[in-house]
Amino acid sequence: MNETIKLDTVDKELFDRVMRITETIGVHEIHFNNLETEYRKLASQWLLAALGGCGLLMKIDTKTFVENWVLVLGVSLAGSIGIAILWMMDIKVYHRLLHTFFKEGVRLEADFTWMRPIRINMVKSQETGDVTTRIMYYYFLSISLLTVVSISAIWNISFFPSAIIRLLLTFVLLLLLGIVWWWMRENGKSNEVLTIISDYDKAKAAENKESKGH
């Protein structure tokens, strides 16, 4: 009931302007969210294609001068690189564009307290305050799986002269995987929305305290 009274006291012209801006933000959020969804679908297809290709190579006789495990290594490495590029396009490009509009939607909800805090509650529903952490796991685990396949290929390629080379290449791949993990975590962080929400919560707490005092 209090929310209805608040809306009744809002200037109609201001209300219409805010609602038009909110609608525009929502349209762009849907657009970029759909683009991100397509990239995640493509990442899944890329992973399945790479694993399927590796499995097929192990079942057939290529009848070439290159042994099957070398081809498996090439396919799994190419798959890992491809998924990393898809992550970059998803999070570094389209998610940032989505985040730009989402952040402004959160700012509107924080500035005009008569609005329903839908986006604010969405952020609060995530433990980290951002869905990019879970998205990062999705991509990283896919890359990790293909890295395991690559390491298996290294240990099965027959022409490597010694175990030292195999250990060295395994170390290099694990090091690269660690760098990818660090890179994804550092580039997936975003504290701007959390700062806006923190200020919003403080303002709401102060408003509630003041209303109780009266």
N, C-alpha and C. Protein backbone atom coordinates (compact mmCIF):
# COMPACT_ATOMS: atom_id res chain seq x y z
N MET A 1 0.82 -1.20 0.00
CA MET A 1 0.00 0.00 0.00
C MET A 1 0.86 1.26 0.00
N ASN A 2 1.94 1.23 0.75
CA ASN A 2 2.86 2.37 0.78
C ASN A 2 3.44 2.66 -0.58
N GLU A 3 3.74 1.59 -1.36
CA GLU A 3 4.33 1.78 -2.69
C GLU A 3 3.34 2.52 -3.58
N THR A 4 2.00 2.24 -3.47
CA THR A 4 0.99 2.89 -4.28
C THR A 4 0.93 4.38 -3.95
N ILE A 5 0.99 4.70 -2.65
CA ILE A 5 0.97 6.09 -2.23
C ILE A 5 2.17 6.83 -2.78
N LYS A 6 3.32 6.20 -2.77
CA LYS A 6 4.52 6.83 -3.29
C LYS A 6 4.38 7.11 -4.78
N LEU A 7 3.85 6.18 -5.54
CA LEU A 7 3.67 6.37 -6.97
C LEU A 7 2.68 7.48 -7.25
N ASP A 8 1.66 7.59 -6.42
CA ASP A 8 0.66 8.64 -6.62
C ASP A 8 1.24 10.04 -6.41
N THR A 9 2.32 10.11 -5.65
CA THR A 9 2.92 11.43 -5.37
C THR A 9 4.01 11.79 -6.38
N VAL A 10 4.34 10.87 -7.28
CA VAL A 10 5.40 11.12 -8.26
C VAL A 10 4.86 11.99 -9.39
N ASP A 11 5.65 12.97 -9.79
CA ASP A 11 5.28 13.82 -10.91
C ASP A 11 5.08 12.98 -12.17
N LYS A 12 3.96 13.17 -12.87
CA LYS A 12 3.62 12.33 -14.02
C LYS A 12 4.65 12.45 -15.14
N GLU A 13 5.11 13.68 -15.41
CA GLU A 13 6.10 13.86 -16.48
C GLU A 13 7.40 13.13 -16.13
N LEU A 14 7.84 13.24 -14.88
CA LEU A 14 9.05 12.55 -14.43
C LEU A 14 8.86 11.03 -14.54
N PHE A 15 7.69 10.57 -14.10
CA PHE A 15 7.39 9.13 -14.16
C PHE A 15 7.48 8.61 -15.59
N ASP A 16 6.88 9.33 -16.53
CA ASP A 16 6.89 8.91 -17.94
C ASP A 16 8.30 8.90 -18.51
N ARG A 17 9.10 9.90 -18.17
CA ARG A 17 10.48 9.96 -18.67
C ARG A 17 11.30 8.80 -18.14
N VAL A 18 11.16 8.52 -16.86
CA VAL A 18 11.92 7.42 -16.25
C VAL A 18 11.49 6.08 -16.85
N MET A 19 10.19 5.90 -17.07
CA MET A 19 9.69 4.65 -17.63
C MET A 19 10.17 4.45 -19.07
N ARG A 20 10.25 5.54 -19.85
CA ARG A 20 10.75 5.43 -21.23
C ARG A 20 12.22 5.02 -21.24
N ILE A 21 12.99 5.63 -20.33
CA ILE A 21 14.41 5.26 -20.24
C ILE A 21 14.56 3.81 -19.81
N THR A 22 13.75 3.40 -18.82
CA THR A 22 13.80 2.02 -18.33
C THR A 22 13.44 1.04 -19.45
N GLU A 23 12.44 1.39 -20.25
CA GLU A 23 12.04 0.52 -21.36
C GLU A 23 13.17 0.39 -22.39
N THR A 24 13.83 1.51 -22.69
CA THR A 24 14.94 1.48 -23.64
C THR A 24 16.08 0.62 -23.12
N ILE A 25 16.39 0.78 -21.83
CA ILE A 25 17.43 -0.04 -21.21
C ILE A 25 17.08 -1.52 -21.31
N GLY A 26 15.81 -1.85 -21.01
CA GLY A 26 15.37 -3.24 -21.06
C GLY A 26 15.51 -3.86 -22.44
N VAL A 27 15.20 -3.08 -23.49
CA VAL A 27 15.33 -3.58 -24.87
C VAL A 27 16.78 -3.94 -25.18
N HIS A 28 17.69 -3.06 -24.80
CA HIS A 28 19.11 -3.32 -25.06
C HIS A 28 19.64 -4.47 -24.20
N GLU A 29 19.15 -4.59 -22.97
CA GLU A 29 19.55 -5.71 -22.12
C GLU A 29 19.17 -7.04 -22.76
N ILE A 30 17.95 -7.12 -23.29
CA ILE A 30 17.49 -8.35 -23.94
C ILE A 30 18.35 -8.65 -25.16
N HIS A 31 18.68 -7.61 -25.93
CA HIS A 31 19.47 -7.79 -27.15
C HIS A 31 20.85 -8.39 -26.84
N PHE A 32 21.56 -7.77 -25.91
CA PHE A 32 22.91 -8.24 -25.60
C PHE A 32 22.89 -9.57 -24.85
N ASN A 33 21.87 -9.79 -24.03
CA ASN A 33 21.75 -11.07 -23.34
C ASN A 33 21.54 -12.21 -24.34
N ASN A 34 20.75 -11.95 -25.39
CA ASN A 34 20.54 -12.97 -26.43
C ASN A 34 21.83 -13.25 -27.19
N LEU A 35 22.62 -12.21 -27.45
CA LEU A 35 23.90 -12.41 -28.12
C LEU A 35 24.83 -13.27 -27.26
N GLU A 36 24.88 -13.00 -25.96
CA GLU A 36 25.72 -13.80 -25.06
C GLU A 36 25.27 -15.25 -25.02
N THR A 37 23.96 -15.46 -25.01
CA THR A 37 23.44 -16.82 -25.01
C THR A 37 23.90 -17.59 -26.24
N GLU A 38 23.91 -16.93 -27.39
CA GLU A 38 24.36 -17.58 -28.63
C GLU A 38 25.84 -17.96 -28.55
N TYR A 39 26.64 -17.10 -27.93
CA TYR A 39 28.07 -17.41 -27.79
C TYR A 39 28.28 -18.60 -26.87
N ARG A 40 27.46 -18.72 -25.83
CA ARG A 40 27.59 -19.87 -24.92
C ARG A 40 27.14 -21.16 -25.59
N LYS A 41 26.12 -21.06 -26.43
CA LYS A 41 25.70 -22.22 -27.21
C LYS A 41 26.82 -22.63 -28.16
N LEU A 42 27.45 -21.63 -28.79
CA LEU A 42 28.54 -21.91 -29.72
C LEU A 42 29.72 -22.54 -28.99
N ALA A 43 30.00 -22.09 -27.76
CA ALA A 43 31.09 -22.69 -26.98
C ALA A 43 30.80 -24.15 -26.68
N SER A 44 29.55 -24.47 -26.36
CA SER A 44 29.17 -25.87 -26.11
C SER A 44 29.33 -26.72 -27.36
N GLN A 45 28.91 -26.16 -28.49
CA GLN A 45 29.05 -26.88 -29.76
C GLN A 45 30.52 -27.08 -30.12
N TRP A 46 31.33 -26.06 -29.83
CA TRP A 46 32.77 -26.13 -30.12
C TRP A 46 33.41 -27.24 -29.28
N LEU A 47 33.03 -27.30 -28.00
CA LEU A 47 33.57 -28.33 -27.11
C LEU A 47 33.17 -29.72 -27.58
N LEU A 48 31.89 -29.90 -27.90
CA LEU A 48 31.42 -31.21 -28.36
C LEU A 48 32.06 -31.60 -29.68
N ALA A 49 32.24 -30.63 -30.56
CA ALA A 49 32.88 -30.91 -31.85
C ALA A 49 34.34 -31.34 -31.66
N ALA A 50 35.04 -30.66 -30.74
CA ALA A 50 36.45 -30.99 -30.49
C ALA A 50 36.57 -32.38 -29.87
N LEU A 51 35.72 -32.67 -28.87
CA LEU A 51 35.76 -33.99 -28.24
C LEU A 51 35.35 -35.08 -29.22
N GLY A 52 34.33 -34.79 -30.02
CA GLY A 52 33.90 -35.76 -31.02
C GLY A 52 34.97 -36.01 -32.06
N GLY A 53 35.66 -34.94 -32.48
CA GLY A 53 36.74 -35.09 -33.45
C GLY A 53 37.89 -35.91 -32.89
N CYS A 54 38.23 -35.67 -31.62
CA CYS A 54 39.31 -36.44 -30.99
C CYS A 54 38.93 -37.92 -30.89
N GLY A 55 37.68 -38.18 -30.51
CA GLY A 55 37.23 -39.57 -30.41
C GLY A 55 37.24 -40.26 -31.76
N LEU A 56 36.83 -39.55 -32.79
CA LEU A 56 36.82 -40.13 -34.13
C LEU A 56 38.23 -40.44 -34.62
N LEU A 57 39.16 -39.52 -34.33
CA LEU A 57 40.54 -39.73 -34.75
C LEU A 57 41.16 -40.96 -34.10
N MET A 58 40.74 -41.28 -32.90
CA MET A 58 41.28 -42.44 -32.21
C MET A 58 40.69 -43.76 -32.71
N LYS A 59 39.58 -43.66 -33.44
CA LYS A 59 38.93 -44.87 -33.93
C LYS A 59 39.30 -45.23 -35.36
N ILE A 60 39.76 -44.26 -36.11
CA ILE A 60 40.04 -44.50 -37.52
C ILE A 60 41.54 -44.50 -37.78
N ASP A 61 41.92 -45.10 -38.87
CA ASP A 61 43.31 -45.11 -39.32
C ASP A 61 43.47 -43.99 -40.33
N THR A 62 44.23 -42.94 -39.94
CA THR A 62 44.36 -41.79 -40.84
C THR A 62 45.18 -42.09 -42.09
N LYS A 63 46.04 -43.11 -42.01
CA LYS A 63 46.87 -43.53 -43.15
C LYS A 63 47.69 -42.37 -43.71
N THR A 64 48.25 -41.58 -42.81
CA THR A 64 49.13 -40.50 -43.20
C THR A 64 50.42 -40.62 -42.40
N PHE A 65 51.36 -39.71 -42.69
CA PHE A 65 52.63 -39.74 -41.97
C PHE A 65 52.49 -39.15 -40.57
N VAL A 66 51.33 -38.58 -40.25
CA VAL A 66 51.10 -38.00 -38.92
C VAL A 66 50.28 -38.99 -38.11
N GLU A 67 50.76 -39.34 -36.94
CA GLU A 67 50.01 -40.31 -36.13
C GLU A 67 48.79 -39.67 -35.48
N ASN A 68 47.85 -40.49 -35.10
CA ASN A 68 46.56 -40.02 -34.62
C ASN A 68 46.67 -39.10 -33.40
N TRP A 69 47.58 -39.44 -32.48
CA TRP A 69 47.69 -38.64 -31.26
C TRP A 69 48.16 -37.22 -31.55
N VAL A 70 48.94 -37.03 -32.59
CA VAL A 70 49.36 -35.68 -32.98
C VAL A 70 48.15 -34.87 -33.44
N LEU A 71 47.30 -35.53 -34.22
CA LEU A 71 46.08 -34.86 -34.68
C LEU A 71 45.14 -34.55 -33.52
N VAL A 72 45.07 -35.49 -32.56
CA VAL A 72 44.25 -35.25 -31.36
C VAL A 72 44.77 -34.04 -30.60
N LEU A 73 46.09 -33.94 -30.47
CA LEU A 73 46.70 -32.80 -29.79
C LEU A 73 46.34 -31.50 -30.51
N GLY A 74 46.42 -31.51 -31.83
CA GLY A 74 46.09 -30.31 -32.60
C GLY A 74 44.64 -29.90 -32.45
N VAL A 75 43.73 -30.88 -32.51
CA VAL A 75 42.30 -30.58 -32.39
C VAL A 75 41.96 -30.06 -31.00
N SER A 76 42.50 -30.68 -29.95
CA SER A 76 42.19 -30.24 -28.59
C SER A 76 42.76 -28.86 -28.28
N LEU A 77 43.96 -28.59 -28.78
CA LEU A 77 44.54 -27.25 -28.58
C LEU A 77 43.74 -26.19 -29.34
N ALA A 78 43.35 -26.52 -30.57
CA ALA A 78 42.55 -25.58 -31.36
C ALA A 78 41.20 -25.33 -30.68
N GLY A 79 40.61 -26.40 -30.11
CA GLY A 79 39.36 -26.25 -29.39
C GLY A 79 39.50 -25.35 -28.18
N SER A 80 40.58 -25.51 -27.43
CA SER A 80 40.83 -24.68 -26.24
C SER A 80 40.96 -23.21 -26.62
N ILE A 81 41.74 -22.96 -27.67
CA ILE A 81 41.93 -21.57 -28.12
C ILE A 81 40.61 -20.98 -28.60
N GLY A 82 39.83 -21.77 -29.32
CA GLY A 82 38.55 -21.29 -29.82
C GLY A 82 37.60 -20.91 -28.70
N ILE A 83 37.54 -21.75 -27.67
CA ILE A 83 36.64 -21.47 -26.54
C ILE A 83 37.12 -20.24 -25.77
N ALA A 84 38.43 -20.07 -25.65
CA ALA A 84 38.97 -18.87 -24.98
C ALA A 84 38.58 -17.60 -25.76
N ILE A 85 38.61 -17.67 -27.09
CA ILE A 85 38.22 -16.53 -27.92
C ILE A 85 36.73 -16.24 -27.75
N LEU A 86 35.91 -17.30 -27.68
CA LEU A 86 34.48 -17.12 -27.47
C LEU A 86 34.20 -16.47 -26.12
N TRP A 87 34.96 -16.90 -25.08
CA TRP A 87 34.82 -16.27 -23.77
C TRP A 87 35.14 -14.78 -23.85
N MET A 88 36.21 -14.44 -24.57
CA MET A 88 36.62 -13.05 -24.70
C MET A 88 35.52 -12.22 -25.38
N MET A 89 34.92 -12.77 -26.46
CA MET A 89 33.85 -12.06 -27.14
C MET A 89 32.61 -11.94 -26.24
N ASP A 90 32.33 -12.99 -25.49
CA ASP A 90 31.17 -13.01 -24.61
C ASP A 90 31.32 -12.01 -23.47
N ILE A 91 32.36 -12.19 -22.64
CA ILE A 91 32.51 -11.40 -21.42
C ILE A 91 33.18 -10.04 -21.68
N LYS A 92 34.22 -10.03 -22.49
CA LYS A 92 34.98 -8.80 -22.68
C LYS A 92 34.28 -7.80 -23.61
N VAL A 93 33.39 -8.31 -24.48
CA VAL A 93 32.73 -7.41 -25.43
C VAL A 93 31.24 -7.27 -25.09
N TYR A 94 30.47 -8.34 -25.32
CA TYR A 94 29.01 -8.21 -25.20
C TYR A 94 28.53 -8.09 -23.76
N HIS A 95 29.20 -8.77 -22.83
CA HIS A 95 28.76 -8.63 -21.44
C HIS A 95 29.05 -7.23 -20.91
N ARG A 96 30.12 -6.63 -21.37
CA ARG A 96 30.40 -5.26 -20.94
C ARG A 96 29.37 -4.29 -21.49
N LEU A 97 28.93 -4.54 -22.74
CA LEU A 97 27.88 -3.70 -23.31
C LEU A 97 26.57 -3.90 -22.54
N LEU A 98 26.26 -5.17 -22.23
CA LEU A 98 25.07 -5.47 -21.42
C LEU A 98 25.19 -4.82 -20.05
N HIS A 99 26.36 -4.92 -19.46
CA HIS A 99 26.58 -4.38 -18.11
C HIS A 99 26.41 -2.87 -18.08
N THR A 100 26.77 -2.20 -19.18
CA THR A 100 26.62 -0.75 -19.26
C THR A 100 25.16 -0.35 -19.10
N PHE A 101 24.28 -1.04 -19.81
CA PHE A 101 22.85 -0.74 -19.72
C PHE A 101 22.28 -1.20 -18.37
N PHE A 102 22.69 -2.39 -17.92
CA PHE A 102 22.19 -2.92 -16.65
C PHE A 102 22.58 -1.99 -15.50
N LYS A 103 23.80 -1.48 -15.55
CA LYS A 103 24.28 -0.58 -14.49
C LYS A 103 23.42 0.68 -14.42
N GLU A 104 23.04 1.21 -15.60
CA GLU A 104 22.20 2.40 -15.60
C GLU A 104 20.80 2.09 -15.08
N GLY A 105 20.31 0.86 -15.35
CA GLY A 105 19.03 0.45 -14.79
C GLY A 105 19.09 0.38 -13.28
N VAL A 106 20.19 -0.15 -12.74
CA VAL A 106 20.39 -0.21 -11.29
C VAL A 106 20.46 1.21 -10.72
N ARG A 107 21.16 2.09 -11.45
CA ARG A 107 21.30 3.47 -10.97
C ARG A 107 19.93 4.17 -10.89
N LEU A 108 19.09 3.90 -11.89
CA LEU A 108 17.74 4.49 -11.87
C LEU A 108 16.95 3.99 -10.65
N GLU A 109 17.04 2.68 -10.40
CA GLU A 109 16.32 2.12 -9.25
C GLU A 109 16.84 2.68 -7.93
N ALA A 110 18.14 2.99 -7.89
CA ALA A 110 18.73 3.55 -6.67
C ALA A 110 18.37 5.03 -6.50
N ASP A 111 18.31 5.76 -7.64
CA ASP A 111 18.02 7.19 -7.58
C ASP A 111 16.54 7.48 -7.34
N PHE A 112 15.67 6.65 -7.94
CA PHE A 112 14.23 6.85 -7.80
C PHE A 112 13.67 5.69 -6.97
N THR A 113 13.58 5.91 -5.68
CA THR A 113 13.25 4.82 -4.76
C THR A 113 11.81 4.33 -4.90
N TRP A 114 10.98 5.05 -5.67
CA TRP A 114 9.61 4.59 -5.91
C TRP A 114 9.58 3.48 -6.97
N MET A 115 10.70 3.24 -7.66
CA MET A 115 10.75 2.15 -8.62
C MET A 115 10.94 0.82 -7.88
N ARG A 116 10.42 -0.24 -8.46
CA ARG A 116 10.65 -1.56 -7.89
C ARG A 116 12.11 -1.96 -8.12
N PRO A 117 12.85 -2.39 -7.09
CA PRO A 117 14.29 -2.70 -7.22
C PRO A 117 14.54 -4.07 -7.85
N ILE A 118 14.07 -4.27 -9.06
CA ILE A 118 14.18 -5.58 -9.72
C ILE A 118 15.64 -5.93 -10.00
N ARG A 119 16.36 -5.03 -10.64
CA ARG A 119 17.77 -5.30 -10.98
C ARG A 119 18.62 -5.39 -9.72
N ILE A 120 18.33 -4.55 -8.75
CA ILE A 120 19.07 -4.60 -7.49
C ILE A 120 18.90 -5.95 -6.83
N ASN A 121 17.69 -6.46 -6.80
CA ASN A 121 17.43 -7.78 -6.21
C ASN A 121 18.07 -8.89 -7.03
N MET A 122 18.15 -8.71 -8.35
CA MET A 122 18.82 -9.69 -9.20
C MET A 122 20.29 -9.82 -8.81
N VAL A 123 20.94 -8.68 -8.61
CA VAL A 123 22.35 -8.69 -8.22
C VAL A 123 22.52 -9.32 -6.84
N LYS A 124 21.63 -8.99 -5.93
CA LYS A 124 21.72 -9.53 -4.57
C LYS A 124 21.48 -11.04 -4.52
N SER A 125 20.78 -11.56 -5.54
CA SER A 125 20.51 -13.00 -5.56
C SER A 125 21.75 -13.83 -5.86
N GLN A 126 22.81 -13.16 -6.38
CA GLN A 126 24.06 -13.84 -6.67
C GLN A 126 25.03 -13.64 -5.51
N GLU A 127 25.68 -14.72 -5.09
CA GLU A 127 26.59 -14.65 -3.93
C GLU A 127 27.72 -13.66 -4.16
N THR A 128 28.23 -13.63 -5.39
CA THR A 128 29.34 -12.72 -5.70
C THR A 128 28.85 -11.37 -6.18
N GLY A 129 27.53 -11.24 -6.41
CA GLY A 129 26.99 -9.99 -6.93
C GLY A 129 27.12 -9.89 -8.43
N ASP A 130 27.64 -10.93 -9.08
CA ASP A 130 27.85 -10.87 -10.52
C ASP A 130 27.82 -12.29 -11.09
N VAL A 131 27.09 -12.48 -12.19
CA VAL A 131 26.97 -13.82 -12.80
C VAL A 131 28.22 -14.21 -13.58
N THR A 132 29.13 -13.25 -13.81
CA THR A 132 30.32 -13.55 -14.62
C THR A 132 31.19 -14.63 -14.00
N THR A 133 31.13 -14.77 -12.67
CA THR A 133 31.92 -15.81 -12.01
C THR A 133 31.48 -17.19 -12.45
N ARG A 134 30.17 -17.43 -12.48
CA ARG A 134 29.65 -18.73 -12.92
C ARG A 134 29.89 -18.94 -14.41
N ILE A 135 29.77 -17.87 -15.18
CA ILE A 135 30.05 -17.98 -16.62
C ILE A 135 31.51 -18.35 -16.84
N MET A 136 32.39 -17.77 -16.02
CA MET A 136 33.81 -18.07 -16.12
C MET A 136 34.07 -19.56 -15.89
N TYR A 137 33.40 -20.15 -14.88
CA TYR A 137 33.55 -21.58 -14.62
C TYR A 137 33.13 -22.40 -15.83
N TYR A 138 32.07 -22.00 -16.47
CA TYR A 138 31.55 -22.69 -17.64
C TYR A 138 32.62 -22.78 -18.74
N TYR A 139 33.23 -21.65 -19.03
CA TYR A 139 34.26 -21.62 -20.08
C TYR A 139 35.55 -22.31 -19.62
N PHE A 140 35.95 -22.02 -18.37
CA PHE A 140 37.22 -22.56 -17.89
C PHE A 140 37.20 -24.08 -17.81
N LEU A 141 36.10 -24.65 -17.35
CA LEU A 141 36.02 -26.11 -17.26
C LEU A 141 36.06 -26.76 -18.65
N SER A 142 35.49 -26.09 -19.64
CA SER A 142 35.56 -26.59 -21.01
C SER A 142 37.00 -26.60 -21.51
N ILE A 143 37.72 -25.49 -21.25
CA ILE A 143 39.12 -25.41 -21.64
C ILE A 143 39.95 -26.44 -20.88
N SER A 144 39.65 -26.63 -19.58
CA SER A 144 40.39 -27.60 -18.77
C SER A 144 40.22 -29.01 -19.30
N LEU A 145 39.01 -29.36 -19.71
CA LEU A 145 38.74 -30.69 -20.24
C LEU A 145 39.57 -30.95 -21.50
N LEU A 146 39.63 -29.96 -22.37
CA LEU A 146 40.42 -30.12 -23.60
C LEU A 146 41.91 -30.12 -23.29
N THR A 147 42.31 -29.42 -22.23
CA THR A 147 43.72 -29.44 -21.82
C THR A 147 44.11 -30.84 -21.34
N VAL A 148 43.21 -31.50 -20.61
CA VAL A 148 43.46 -32.88 -20.17
C VAL A 148 43.64 -33.79 -21.39
N VAL A 149 42.81 -33.60 -22.40
CA VAL A 149 42.94 -34.39 -23.64
C VAL A 149 44.29 -34.12 -24.30
N SER A 150 44.70 -32.85 -24.30
CA SER A 150 46.00 -32.49 -24.89
C SER A 150 47.15 -33.16 -24.15
N ILE A 151 47.08 -33.17 -22.82
CA ILE A 151 48.14 -33.80 -22.02
C ILE A 151 48.17 -35.31 -22.28
N SER A 152 46.99 -35.91 -22.40
CA SER A 152 46.93 -37.34 -22.71
C SER A 152 47.58 -37.63 -24.05
N ALA A 153 47.34 -36.74 -25.01
CA ALA A 153 47.94 -36.91 -26.34
C ALA A 153 49.46 -36.82 -26.26
N ILE A 154 49.94 -35.85 -25.48
CA ILE A 154 51.40 -35.68 -25.34
C ILE A 154 52.05 -36.95 -24.81
N TRP A 155 51.41 -37.60 -23.86
CA TRP A 155 52.00 -38.80 -23.26
C TRP A 155 51.81 -40.05 -24.11
N ASN A 156 51.07 -39.93 -25.20
CA ASN A 156 50.86 -41.08 -26.08
C ASN A 156 51.51 -40.93 -27.45
N ILE A 157 52.03 -39.75 -27.74
CA ILE A 157 52.74 -39.56 -29.01
C ILE A 157 54.05 -40.35 -28.96
N SER A 158 54.29 -41.16 -29.93
CA SER A 158 55.39 -42.13 -29.87
C SER A 158 56.77 -41.54 -30.16
N PHE A 159 56.84 -40.46 -30.93
CA PHE A 159 58.16 -40.03 -31.39
C PHE A 159 58.87 -39.08 -30.42
N PHE A 160 58.25 -38.73 -29.28
CA PHE A 160 58.96 -37.92 -28.31
C PHE A 160 60.11 -38.75 -27.73
N PRO A 161 61.34 -38.23 -27.73
CA PRO A 161 62.51 -39.03 -27.33
C PRO A 161 62.60 -39.36 -25.85
N SER A 162 62.03 -38.55 -24.98
CA SER A 162 62.19 -38.82 -23.54
C SER A 162 61.00 -38.31 -22.74
N ALA A 163 60.91 -38.79 -21.51
CA ALA A 163 59.83 -38.37 -20.62
C ALA A 163 60.00 -36.92 -20.18
N ILE A 164 61.26 -36.44 -20.23
CA ILE A 164 61.53 -35.06 -19.80
C ILE A 164 60.78 -34.07 -20.69
N ILE A 165 60.79 -34.34 -21.99
CA ILE A 165 60.08 -33.46 -22.94
C ILE A 165 58.58 -33.50 -22.67
N ARG A 166 58.08 -34.70 -22.41
CA ARG A 166 56.65 -34.83 -22.11
C ARG A 166 56.30 -34.05 -20.83
N LEU A 167 57.15 -34.16 -19.81
CA LEU A 167 56.92 -33.44 -18.57
C LEU A 167 56.97 -31.93 -18.79
N LEU A 168 57.93 -31.51 -19.62
CA LEU A 168 58.08 -30.08 -19.90
C LEU A 168 56.84 -29.54 -20.61
N LEU A 169 56.35 -30.27 -21.62
CA LEU A 169 55.16 -29.83 -22.35
C LEU A 169 53.92 -29.86 -21.45
N THR A 170 53.84 -30.85 -20.58
CA THR A 170 52.72 -30.92 -19.63
C THR A 170 52.75 -29.72 -18.70
N PHE A 171 53.95 -29.38 -18.21
CA PHE A 171 54.10 -28.21 -17.33
C PHE A 171 53.68 -26.93 -18.06
N VAL A 172 54.08 -26.80 -19.32
CA VAL A 172 53.74 -25.61 -20.11
C VAL A 172 52.22 -25.48 -20.25
N LEU A 173 51.55 -26.59 -20.56
CA LEU A 173 50.09 -26.56 -20.72
C LEU A 173 49.40 -26.21 -19.40
N LEU A 174 49.87 -26.79 -18.29
CA LEU A 174 49.27 -26.48 -16.99
C LEU A 174 49.53 -25.03 -16.59
N LEU A 175 50.72 -24.52 -16.96
CA LEU A 175 51.03 -23.13 -16.69
C LEU A 175 50.11 -22.21 -17.48
N LEU A 176 49.91 -22.54 -18.76
CA LEU A 176 49.00 -21.75 -19.60
C LEU A 176 47.57 -21.81 -19.06
N LEU A 177 47.17 -22.97 -18.56
CA LEU A 177 45.83 -23.11 -17.97
C LEU A 177 45.70 -22.22 -16.74
N GLY A 178 46.77 -22.16 -15.92
CA GLY A 178 46.76 -21.28 -14.75
C GLY A 178 46.67 -19.82 -15.15
N ILE A 179 47.37 -19.45 -16.22
CA ILE A 179 47.31 -18.07 -16.72
C ILE A 179 45.90 -17.74 -17.21
N VAL A 180 45.28 -18.69 -17.90
CA VAL A 180 43.90 -18.49 -18.37
C VAL A 180 42.96 -18.27 -17.19
N TRP A 181 43.13 -19.08 -16.12
CA TRP A 181 42.31 -18.94 -14.91
C TRP A 181 42.47 -17.56 -14.30
N TRP A 182 43.72 -17.11 -14.16
CA TRP A 182 43.99 -15.78 -13.60
C TRP A 182 43.40 -14.69 -14.49
N TRP A 183 43.58 -14.83 -15.80
CA TRP A 183 43.10 -13.84 -16.77
C TRP A 183 41.58 -13.72 -16.71
N MET A 184 40.89 -14.87 -16.65
CA MET A 184 39.44 -14.86 -16.60
C MET A 184 38.94 -14.22 -15.30
N ARG A 185 39.57 -14.54 -14.18
CA ARG A 185 39.14 -13.99 -12.89
C ARG A 185 39.35 -12.48 -12.82
N GLU A 186 40.49 -12.03 -13.33
CA GLU A 186 40.79 -10.60 -13.28
C GLU A 186 39.89 -9.79 -14.21
N ASN A 187 39.57 -10.36 -15.37
CA ASN A 187 38.77 -9.63 -16.35
C ASN A 187 37.27 -9.83 -16.16
N GLY A 188 36.89 -10.69 -15.24
CA GLY A 188 35.47 -10.91 -14.99
C GLY A 188 34.93 -10.09 -13.83
N LYS A 189 35.81 -9.36 -13.14
CA LYS A 189 35.40 -8.60 -11.96
C LYS A 189 34.74 -7.28 -12.35
N SER A 190 33.72 -6.92 -11.62
CA SER A 190 33.05 -5.64 -11.82
C SER A 190 32.40 -5.20 -10.51
N ASN A 191 32.87 -4.07 -9.96
CA ASN A 191 32.39 -3.63 -8.65
C ASN A 191 31.50 -2.40 -8.73
N GLU A 192 31.29 -1.87 -9.96
CA GLU A 192 30.53 -0.63 -10.08
C GLU A 192 29.09 -0.79 -9.58
N VAL A 193 28.43 -1.86 -10.02
CA VAL A 193 27.04 -2.10 -9.62
C VAL A 193 26.96 -2.32 -8.12
N LEU A 194 27.92 -3.08 -7.56
CA LEU A 194 27.92 -3.35 -6.12
C LEU A 194 28.06 -2.06 -5.31
N THR A 195 28.84 -1.12 -5.84
CA THR A 195 29.01 0.17 -5.16
C THR A 195 27.70 0.95 -5.17
N ILE A 196 27.00 0.95 -6.31
CA ILE A 196 25.72 1.64 -6.41
C ILE A 196 24.71 1.04 -5.43
N ILE A 197 24.68 -0.30 -5.37
CA ILE A 197 23.73 -0.99 -4.49
C ILE A 197 24.07 -0.73 -3.02
N SER A 198 25.36 -0.68 -2.71
CA SER A 198 25.78 -0.39 -1.33
C SER A 198 25.29 0.99 -0.90
N ASP A 199 25.44 1.98 -1.80
CA ASP A 199 24.96 3.33 -1.49
C ASP A 199 23.44 3.34 -1.37
N TYR A 200 22.77 2.54 -2.22
CA TYR A 200 21.31 2.43 -2.17
C TYR A 200 20.85 1.86 -0.83
N ASP A 201 21.52 0.80 -0.38
CA ASP A 201 21.15 0.16 0.89
C ASP A 201 21.36 1.12 2.06
N LYS A 202 22.45 1.89 2.01
CA LYS A 202 22.71 2.86 3.08
C LYS A 202 21.63 3.94 3.11
N ALA A 203 21.24 4.39 1.90
CA ALA A 203 20.21 5.42 1.82
C ALA A 203 18.87 4.91 2.34
N LYS A 204 18.53 3.65 1.97
CA LYS A 204 17.28 3.05 2.41
C LYS A 204 17.28 2.85 3.94
N ALA A 205 18.43 2.42 4.47
CA ALA A 205 18.54 2.22 5.91
C ALA A 205 18.35 3.55 6.65
N ALA A 206 18.98 4.62 6.10
CA ALA A 206 18.85 5.93 6.73
C ALA A 206 17.40 6.42 6.64
N GLU A 207 16.74 6.14 5.51
CA GLU A 207 15.35 6.57 5.31
C GLU A 207 14.43 5.83 6.28
N ASN A 208 14.67 4.53 6.46
CA ASN A 208 13.84 3.74 7.38
C ASN A 208 14.05 4.19 8.83
N LYS A 209 15.30 4.50 9.16
CA LYS A 209 15.62 4.98 10.51
C LYS A 209 14.93 6.30 10.80
N GLU A 210 14.95 7.17 9.77
CA GLU A 210 14.34 8.50 9.93
C GLU A 210 12.81 8.38 10.07
N SER A 211 12.20 7.48 9.28
CA SER A 211 10.75 7.31 9.34
C SER A 211 10.32 6.73 10.70
N LYS A 212 11.14 5.83 11.25
CA LYS A 212 10.83 5.27 12.56
C LYS A 212 10.99 6.30 13.65
N GLY A 213 11.94 7.24 13.44
CA GLY A 213 12.16 8.29 14.42
C GLY A 213 10.99 9.23 14.52
N HIS A 214 10.31 9.42 13.36
CA HIS A 214 9.14 10.29 13.37
C HIS A 214 7.91 9.53 13.85
